[in-house]
């Protein structure tokens, strides 16, 4: 692990649940990382039933029923920021023995999505604290 390479025998989820660390489990099925999506939905004020596959999760999340089409871009950025934050925390847990805290992941998602949106395409007429 000194070169930050996971050994083939290290195939279990980093939260200690005992499940194999596959993409679907890692990002949505794991109790710890899956709870991040619950917190994100609370933050956004939306209801969301998590599907079983990561691909379906992406499609369903960015095309929320009842949300205007103009929201799809924002939801896509939030989804990407969420998966990036989960991946980053997962790696820090594996390689640096960092503690996994879903609330800290949520705060990272909020900050990253705001910065990505405000520094790239979309002019944002409000500050981070309103985000």
N, C-alpha and C. Protein backbone atom coordinates (compact mmCIF):
# COMPACT_ATOMS: atom_id res chain seq x y z
N UNK A 1 0.81 -1.20 0.00
CA UNK A 1 0.00 0.00 0.00
C UNK A 1 0.85 1.26 0.00
N UNK A 2 2.16 1.14 0.15
CA UNK A 2 3.00 2.33 0.19
C UNK A 2 2.97 3.08 -1.13
N UNK A 3 2.66 2.39 -2.22
CA UNK A 3 2.56 3.05 -3.53
C UNK A 3 1.11 3.34 -3.89
N UNK A 4 0.22 3.24 -2.95
CA UNK A 4 -1.20 3.49 -3.14
C UNK A 4 -1.81 2.58 -4.19
N UNK A 5 -1.44 1.31 -4.11
CA UNK A 5 -2.02 0.29 -4.97
C UNK A 5 -2.69 -0.74 -4.06
N UNK A 6 -3.95 -0.99 -4.33
CA UNK A 6 -4.70 -1.96 -3.53
C UNK A 6 -4.32 -3.36 -3.97
N UNK A 7 -4.08 -4.21 -3.03
CA UNK A 7 -3.74 -5.59 -3.32
C UNK A 7 -4.99 -6.36 -3.75
N UNK A 8 -4.83 -7.38 -4.59
CA UNK A 8 -5.99 -8.16 -5.05
C UNK A 8 -6.81 -8.78 -3.93
N UNK A 9 -6.19 -9.02 -2.78
CA UNK A 9 -6.94 -9.62 -1.67
C UNK A 9 -7.79 -8.59 -0.93
N UNK A 10 -7.55 -7.30 -1.16
CA UNK A 10 -8.29 -6.23 -0.50
C UNK A 10 -9.51 -5.85 -1.33
N UNK A 11 -10.51 -6.74 -1.35
CA UNK A 11 -11.68 -6.52 -2.20
C UNK A 11 -12.94 -6.19 -1.41
N UNK A 12 -12.81 -6.04 -0.10
CA UNK A 12 -13.99 -5.76 0.71
C UNK A 12 -14.18 -4.26 0.89
N UNK A 13 -15.41 -3.87 1.09
CA UNK A 13 -15.80 -2.48 1.28
C UNK A 13 -15.00 -1.86 2.43
N UNK A 14 -14.61 -0.61 2.27
CA UNK A 14 -13.79 0.05 3.27
C UNK A 14 -14.54 0.39 4.56
N UNK A 15 -15.88 0.33 4.53
CA UNK A 15 -16.61 0.65 5.77
C UNK A 15 -16.72 -0.54 6.71
N UNK A 16 -16.21 -1.70 6.27
CA UNK A 16 -16.20 -2.87 7.14
C UNK A 16 -17.47 -3.69 7.13
N UNK A 17 -18.35 -3.46 6.15
CA UNK A 17 -19.63 -4.19 6.11
C UNK A 17 -19.44 -5.64 5.65
N UNK A 18 -18.31 -5.95 5.02
CA UNK A 18 -18.04 -7.30 4.58
C UNK A 18 -18.44 -7.59 3.14
N UNK A 19 -19.13 -6.65 2.48
CA UNK A 19 -19.50 -6.82 1.07
C UNK A 19 -18.30 -6.53 0.17
N UNK A 20 -18.36 -7.11 -1.04
CA UNK A 20 -17.31 -6.83 -2.01
C UNK A 20 -17.45 -5.39 -2.50
N UNK A 21 -16.31 -4.77 -2.72
CA UNK A 21 -16.31 -3.38 -3.15
C UNK A 21 -16.43 -3.30 -4.67
N UNK A 22 -17.66 -3.33 -5.13
CA UNK A 22 -17.98 -3.14 -6.53
C UNK A 22 -18.54 -1.72 -6.66
N UNK A 23 -18.57 -1.19 -7.89
CA UNK A 23 -18.99 0.20 -8.08
C UNK A 23 -20.40 0.46 -7.54
N UNK A 24 -21.35 -0.43 -7.85
CA UNK A 24 -22.72 -0.23 -7.38
C UNK A 24 -22.78 -0.20 -5.85
N UNK A 25 -22.04 -1.09 -5.23
CA UNK A 25 -22.02 -1.12 -3.76
C UNK A 25 -21.31 0.12 -3.22
N UNK A 26 -20.16 0.43 -3.78
CA UNK A 26 -19.34 1.54 -3.28
C UNK A 26 -20.09 2.86 -3.27
N UNK A 27 -20.78 3.15 -4.34
CA UNK A 27 -21.38 4.48 -4.47
C UNK A 27 -22.82 4.58 -4.00
N UNK A 28 -23.58 3.48 -4.02
CA UNK A 28 -24.99 3.59 -3.64
C UNK A 28 -25.46 2.51 -2.67
N UNK A 29 -24.83 1.34 -2.67
CA UNK A 29 -25.32 0.24 -1.84
C UNK A 29 -24.75 0.21 -0.44
N UNK A 30 -23.58 0.79 -0.26
CA UNK A 30 -22.93 0.80 1.05
C UNK A 30 -23.74 1.67 2.01
N UNK A 31 -23.94 1.19 3.22
CA UNK A 31 -24.71 1.96 4.20
C UNK A 31 -24.09 3.32 4.49
N UNK A 32 -22.77 3.36 4.59
CA UNK A 32 -22.10 4.62 4.92
C UNK A 32 -22.15 5.59 3.74
N UNK A 33 -21.67 5.14 2.58
CA UNK A 33 -21.65 6.03 1.42
C UNK A 33 -23.05 6.23 0.85
N UNK A 34 -23.90 5.25 0.96
CA UNK A 34 -25.27 5.40 0.51
C UNK A 34 -26.02 6.46 1.30
N UNK A 35 -25.66 6.64 2.57
CA UNK A 35 -26.31 7.66 3.38
C UNK A 35 -26.01 9.07 2.89
N UNK A 36 -24.93 9.22 2.14
CA UNK A 36 -24.61 10.53 1.57
C UNK A 36 -25.73 10.98 0.63
N UNK A 37 -26.28 10.04 -0.15
CA UNK A 37 -27.36 10.39 -1.08
C UNK A 37 -28.61 10.84 -0.33
N UNK A 38 -28.86 10.22 0.81
CA UNK A 38 -29.98 10.65 1.65
C UNK A 38 -29.78 12.10 2.10
N UNK A 39 -28.55 12.41 2.55
CA UNK A 39 -28.24 13.78 2.99
C UNK A 39 -28.33 14.77 1.84
N UNK A 40 -27.91 14.36 0.66
CA UNK A 40 -27.99 15.23 -0.50
C UNK A 40 -29.45 15.53 -0.84
N UNK A 41 -30.30 14.51 -0.78
CA UNK A 41 -31.72 14.72 -1.05
C UNK A 41 -32.36 15.63 -0.01
N UNK A 42 -31.96 15.50 1.25
CA UNK A 42 -32.45 16.42 2.28
C UNK A 42 -32.02 17.85 1.96
N UNK A 43 -30.77 18.02 1.59
CA UNK A 43 -30.25 19.34 1.23
C UNK A 43 -31.03 19.94 0.07
N UNK A 44 -31.32 19.13 -0.94
CA UNK A 44 -32.03 19.61 -2.13
C UNK A 44 -33.54 19.70 -1.93
N UNK A 45 -34.04 19.08 -0.85
CA UNK A 45 -35.48 19.09 -0.60
C UNK A 45 -36.25 18.21 -1.56
N UNK A 46 -35.67 17.08 -1.93
CA UNK A 46 -36.31 16.18 -2.88
C UNK A 46 -36.45 14.79 -2.29
N UNK A 47 -37.39 14.03 -2.83
CA UNK A 47 -37.54 12.62 -2.49
C UNK A 47 -36.90 11.81 -3.59
N UNK A 48 -36.25 10.73 -3.20
CA UNK A 48 -35.52 9.95 -4.19
C UNK A 48 -35.44 8.51 -3.72
N UNK A 49 -35.83 7.59 -4.59
CA UNK A 49 -35.71 6.17 -4.31
C UNK A 49 -34.48 5.68 -5.07
N UNK A 50 -33.53 5.18 -4.35
CA UNK A 50 -32.26 4.80 -4.95
C UNK A 50 -32.37 3.48 -5.72
N UNK A 51 -32.13 3.49 -7.04
CA UNK A 51 -32.14 2.25 -7.81
C UNK A 51 -30.89 1.43 -7.50
N UNK A 52 -30.86 0.20 -7.99
CA UNK A 52 -29.78 -0.72 -7.65
C UNK A 52 -28.49 -0.57 -8.42
N UNK A 53 -28.53 0.07 -9.59
CA UNK A 53 -27.29 0.19 -10.36
C UNK A 53 -26.86 1.65 -10.43
N UNK A 54 -25.57 1.84 -10.55
CA UNK A 54 -25.01 3.19 -10.62
C UNK A 54 -25.49 3.94 -11.86
N UNK A 55 -25.58 3.24 -12.98
CA UNK A 55 -26.05 3.86 -14.22
C UNK A 55 -27.50 4.34 -14.08
N UNK A 56 -28.36 3.49 -13.51
CA UNK A 56 -29.76 3.89 -13.30
C UNK A 56 -29.85 5.03 -12.29
N UNK A 57 -28.99 5.00 -11.30
CA UNK A 57 -28.95 6.06 -10.28
C UNK A 57 -28.67 7.40 -10.94
N UNK A 58 -27.66 7.44 -11.80
CA UNK A 58 -27.30 8.67 -12.51
C UNK A 58 -28.48 9.18 -13.34
N UNK A 59 -29.04 8.30 -14.14
CA UNK A 59 -30.15 8.68 -15.02
C UNK A 59 -31.34 9.19 -14.22
N UNK A 60 -31.71 8.47 -13.18
CA UNK A 60 -32.87 8.86 -12.38
C UNK A 60 -32.60 10.16 -11.63
N UNK A 61 -31.39 10.32 -11.10
CA UNK A 61 -31.07 11.51 -10.30
C UNK A 61 -31.09 12.77 -11.14
N UNK A 62 -30.50 12.74 -12.32
CA UNK A 62 -30.43 13.97 -13.11
C UNK A 62 -31.71 14.28 -13.87
N UNK A 63 -32.61 13.32 -13.96
CA UNK A 63 -33.89 13.55 -14.64
C UNK A 63 -35.05 13.40 -13.66
N UNK A 64 -34.92 14.02 -12.52
CA UNK A 64 -35.97 13.93 -11.50
C UNK A 64 -37.32 14.29 -12.08
N UNK A 65 -38.28 13.43 -11.84
CA UNK A 65 -39.65 13.68 -12.32
C UNK A 65 -40.19 14.92 -11.62
N UNK A 66 -40.79 15.76 -12.39
CA UNK A 66 -41.38 16.97 -11.82
C UNK A 66 -40.43 18.15 -11.76
N UNK A 67 -39.15 17.92 -11.99
CA UNK A 67 -38.18 19.02 -11.96
C UNK A 67 -38.10 19.62 -13.37
N UNK A 68 -38.01 20.93 -13.45
CA UNK A 68 -37.88 21.54 -14.78
C UNK A 68 -36.60 21.08 -15.48
N UNK A 69 -36.65 21.05 -16.79
CA UNK A 69 -35.50 20.61 -17.58
C UNK A 69 -34.26 21.45 -17.28
N UNK A 70 -34.45 22.71 -16.92
CA UNK A 70 -33.31 23.59 -16.62
C UNK A 70 -32.53 23.12 -15.40
N UNK A 71 -33.12 22.29 -14.56
CA UNK A 71 -32.44 21.77 -13.36
C UNK A 71 -31.53 20.59 -13.67
N UNK A 72 -31.69 19.96 -14.82
CA UNK A 72 -30.93 18.75 -15.13
C UNK A 72 -29.42 19.00 -15.11
N UNK A 73 -28.99 20.13 -15.62
CA UNK A 73 -27.56 20.45 -15.63
C UNK A 73 -27.03 20.57 -14.20
N UNK A 74 -27.77 21.26 -13.34
CA UNK A 74 -27.35 21.41 -11.94
C UNK A 74 -27.30 20.06 -11.24
N UNK A 75 -28.31 19.22 -11.48
CA UNK A 75 -28.34 17.90 -10.85
C UNK A 75 -27.20 17.02 -11.34
N UNK A 76 -26.84 17.17 -12.60
CA UNK A 76 -25.71 16.41 -13.13
C UNK A 76 -24.42 16.81 -12.42
N UNK A 77 -24.21 18.10 -12.24
CA UNK A 77 -23.01 18.59 -11.55
C UNK A 77 -23.01 18.10 -10.10
N UNK A 78 -24.15 18.16 -9.44
CA UNK A 78 -24.23 17.68 -8.05
C UNK A 78 -23.95 16.19 -7.99
N UNK A 79 -24.47 15.41 -8.93
CA UNK A 79 -24.21 13.97 -8.95
C UNK A 79 -22.73 13.69 -9.14
N UNK A 80 -22.11 14.39 -10.09
CA UNK A 80 -20.68 14.19 -10.34
C UNK A 80 -19.84 14.61 -9.14
N UNK A 81 -20.19 15.72 -8.51
CA UNK A 81 -19.47 16.16 -7.31
C UNK A 81 -19.64 15.14 -6.19
N UNK A 82 -20.81 14.52 -6.11
CA UNK A 82 -21.07 13.53 -5.07
C UNK A 82 -20.23 12.28 -5.26
N UNK A 83 -20.20 11.76 -6.48
CA UNK A 83 -19.42 10.55 -6.72
C UNK A 83 -17.93 10.84 -6.55
N UNK A 84 -17.49 12.03 -6.95
CA UNK A 84 -16.09 12.40 -6.77
C UNK A 84 -15.74 12.47 -5.28
N UNK A 85 -16.60 13.08 -4.49
CA UNK A 85 -16.34 13.20 -3.05
C UNK A 85 -16.32 11.83 -2.38
N UNK A 86 -17.25 10.96 -2.77
CA UNK A 86 -17.28 9.60 -2.20
C UNK A 86 -15.99 8.87 -2.56
N UNK A 87 -15.58 8.95 -3.81
CA UNK A 87 -14.35 8.28 -4.26
C UNK A 87 -13.13 8.82 -3.51
N UNK A 88 -13.07 10.13 -3.35
CA UNK A 88 -11.94 10.74 -2.67
C UNK A 88 -11.87 10.32 -1.20
N UNK A 89 -13.00 10.32 -0.53
CA UNK A 89 -13.04 9.92 0.88
C UNK A 89 -12.72 8.43 1.02
N UNK A 90 -13.21 7.63 0.10
CA UNK A 90 -12.91 6.21 0.10
C UNK A 90 -11.40 5.98 -0.02
N UNK A 91 -10.76 6.69 -0.94
CA UNK A 91 -9.31 6.56 -1.09
C UNK A 91 -8.55 7.05 0.14
N UNK A 92 -9.01 8.15 0.72
CA UNK A 92 -8.36 8.64 1.94
C UNK A 92 -8.52 7.64 3.09
N UNK A 93 -9.63 6.96 3.12
CA UNK A 93 -9.85 5.94 4.14
C UNK A 93 -8.90 4.77 3.94
N UNK A 94 -8.74 4.34 2.69
CA UNK A 94 -7.88 3.20 2.39
C UNK A 94 -6.41 3.53 2.58
N UNK A 95 -5.98 4.66 2.03
CA UNK A 95 -4.56 4.96 1.97
C UNK A 95 -4.03 5.82 3.11
N UNK A 96 -4.92 6.56 3.79
CA UNK A 96 -4.47 7.46 4.85
C UNK A 96 -5.18 7.20 6.17
N UNK A 97 -5.98 6.14 6.23
CA UNK A 97 -6.75 5.79 7.43
C UNK A 97 -7.65 6.94 7.92
N UNK A 98 -8.16 7.71 6.98
CA UNK A 98 -9.05 8.81 7.33
C UNK A 98 -10.42 8.26 7.75
N UNK A 99 -11.09 9.01 8.58
CA UNK A 99 -12.42 8.65 9.06
C UNK A 99 -13.45 9.03 8.00
N UNK A 100 -14.42 8.16 7.78
CA UNK A 100 -15.49 8.42 6.82
C UNK A 100 -16.65 9.09 7.56
N UNK A 101 -16.97 10.31 7.16
CA UNK A 101 -18.06 11.06 7.79
C UNK A 101 -19.01 11.57 6.69
N UNK A 102 -20.21 10.98 6.58
CA UNK A 102 -21.15 11.39 5.53
C UNK A 102 -21.47 12.89 5.53
N UNK A 103 -21.49 13.52 6.70
CA UNK A 103 -21.78 14.95 6.77
C UNK A 103 -20.65 15.79 6.17
N UNK A 104 -19.42 15.36 6.36
CA UNK A 104 -18.28 16.05 5.74
C UNK A 104 -18.30 15.85 4.23
N UNK A 105 -18.72 14.67 3.80
CA UNK A 105 -18.84 14.41 2.36
C UNK A 105 -19.89 15.35 1.77
N UNK A 106 -21.02 15.49 2.45
CA UNK A 106 -22.06 16.41 1.98
C UNK A 106 -21.52 17.83 1.84
N UNK A 107 -20.78 18.30 2.82
CA UNK A 107 -20.23 19.65 2.76
C UNK A 107 -19.26 19.80 1.59
N UNK A 108 -18.50 18.77 1.31
CA UNK A 108 -17.59 18.78 0.17
C UNK A 108 -18.39 18.82 -1.14
N UNK A 109 -19.46 18.07 -1.21
CA UNK A 109 -20.32 18.09 -2.40
C UNK A 109 -20.88 19.48 -2.62
N UNK A 110 -21.36 20.10 -1.56
CA UNK A 110 -21.92 21.45 -1.68
C UNK A 110 -20.87 22.43 -2.21
N UNK A 111 -19.68 22.39 -1.62
CA UNK A 111 -18.63 23.31 -2.02
C UNK A 111 -18.16 23.04 -3.44
N UNK A 112 -17.85 21.79 -3.75
CA UNK A 112 -17.36 21.47 -5.08
C UNK A 112 -18.38 21.79 -6.17
N UNK A 113 -19.63 21.43 -5.95
CA UNK A 113 -20.65 21.69 -6.98
C UNK A 113 -20.83 23.19 -7.18
N UNK A 114 -20.81 23.95 -6.10
CA UNK A 114 -20.93 25.40 -6.23
C UNK A 114 -19.75 25.99 -7.00
N UNK A 115 -18.54 25.56 -6.64
CA UNK A 115 -17.35 26.07 -7.32
C UNK A 115 -17.31 25.67 -8.79
N UNK A 116 -17.67 24.42 -9.08
CA UNK A 116 -17.69 23.96 -10.47
C UNK A 116 -18.70 24.76 -11.29
N UNK A 117 -19.87 24.98 -10.72
CA UNK A 117 -20.89 25.72 -11.45
C UNK A 117 -20.52 27.19 -11.62
N UNK A 118 -20.01 27.80 -10.57
CA UNK A 118 -19.73 29.24 -10.63
C UNK A 118 -18.47 29.56 -11.42
N UNK A 119 -17.57 28.60 -11.58
CA UNK A 119 -16.33 28.90 -12.29
C UNK A 119 -16.36 28.47 -13.75
N UNK A 120 -17.41 27.83 -14.18
CA UNK A 120 -17.42 27.33 -15.55
C UNK A 120 -18.50 28.00 -16.39
N UNK A 121 -19.62 27.36 -16.52
CA UNK A 121 -20.59 27.73 -17.53
C UNK A 121 -21.70 28.64 -17.01
N UNK A 122 -22.21 28.33 -15.87
CA UNK A 122 -23.45 28.94 -15.41
C UNK A 122 -23.16 30.16 -14.53
N UNK A 123 -23.68 31.32 -14.92
CA UNK A 123 -23.55 32.48 -14.03
C UNK A 123 -24.48 32.30 -12.82
N UNK A 124 -23.90 32.38 -11.64
CA UNK A 124 -24.70 32.20 -10.42
C UNK A 124 -24.84 33.56 -9.74
N UNK A 125 -26.07 33.93 -9.48
CA UNK A 125 -26.35 35.26 -8.93
C UNK A 125 -26.52 35.25 -7.42
N UNK A 126 -26.00 34.22 -6.76
CA UNK A 126 -26.09 34.15 -5.31
C UNK A 126 -24.78 33.59 -4.78
N UNK A 127 -24.58 33.73 -3.47
CA UNK A 127 -23.36 33.27 -2.84
C UNK A 127 -23.46 31.83 -2.35
N UNK A 128 -22.34 31.33 -1.89
CA UNK A 128 -22.26 29.95 -1.45
C UNK A 128 -23.22 29.65 -0.30
N UNK A 129 -23.39 30.57 0.61
CA UNK A 129 -24.25 30.31 1.78
C UNK A 129 -25.72 30.17 1.39
N UNK A 130 -26.09 30.68 0.23
CA UNK A 130 -27.45 30.47 -0.28
C UNK A 130 -27.58 29.20 -1.09
N UNK A 131 -26.48 28.58 -1.41
CA UNK A 131 -26.44 27.36 -2.21
C UNK A 131 -26.94 26.24 -1.35
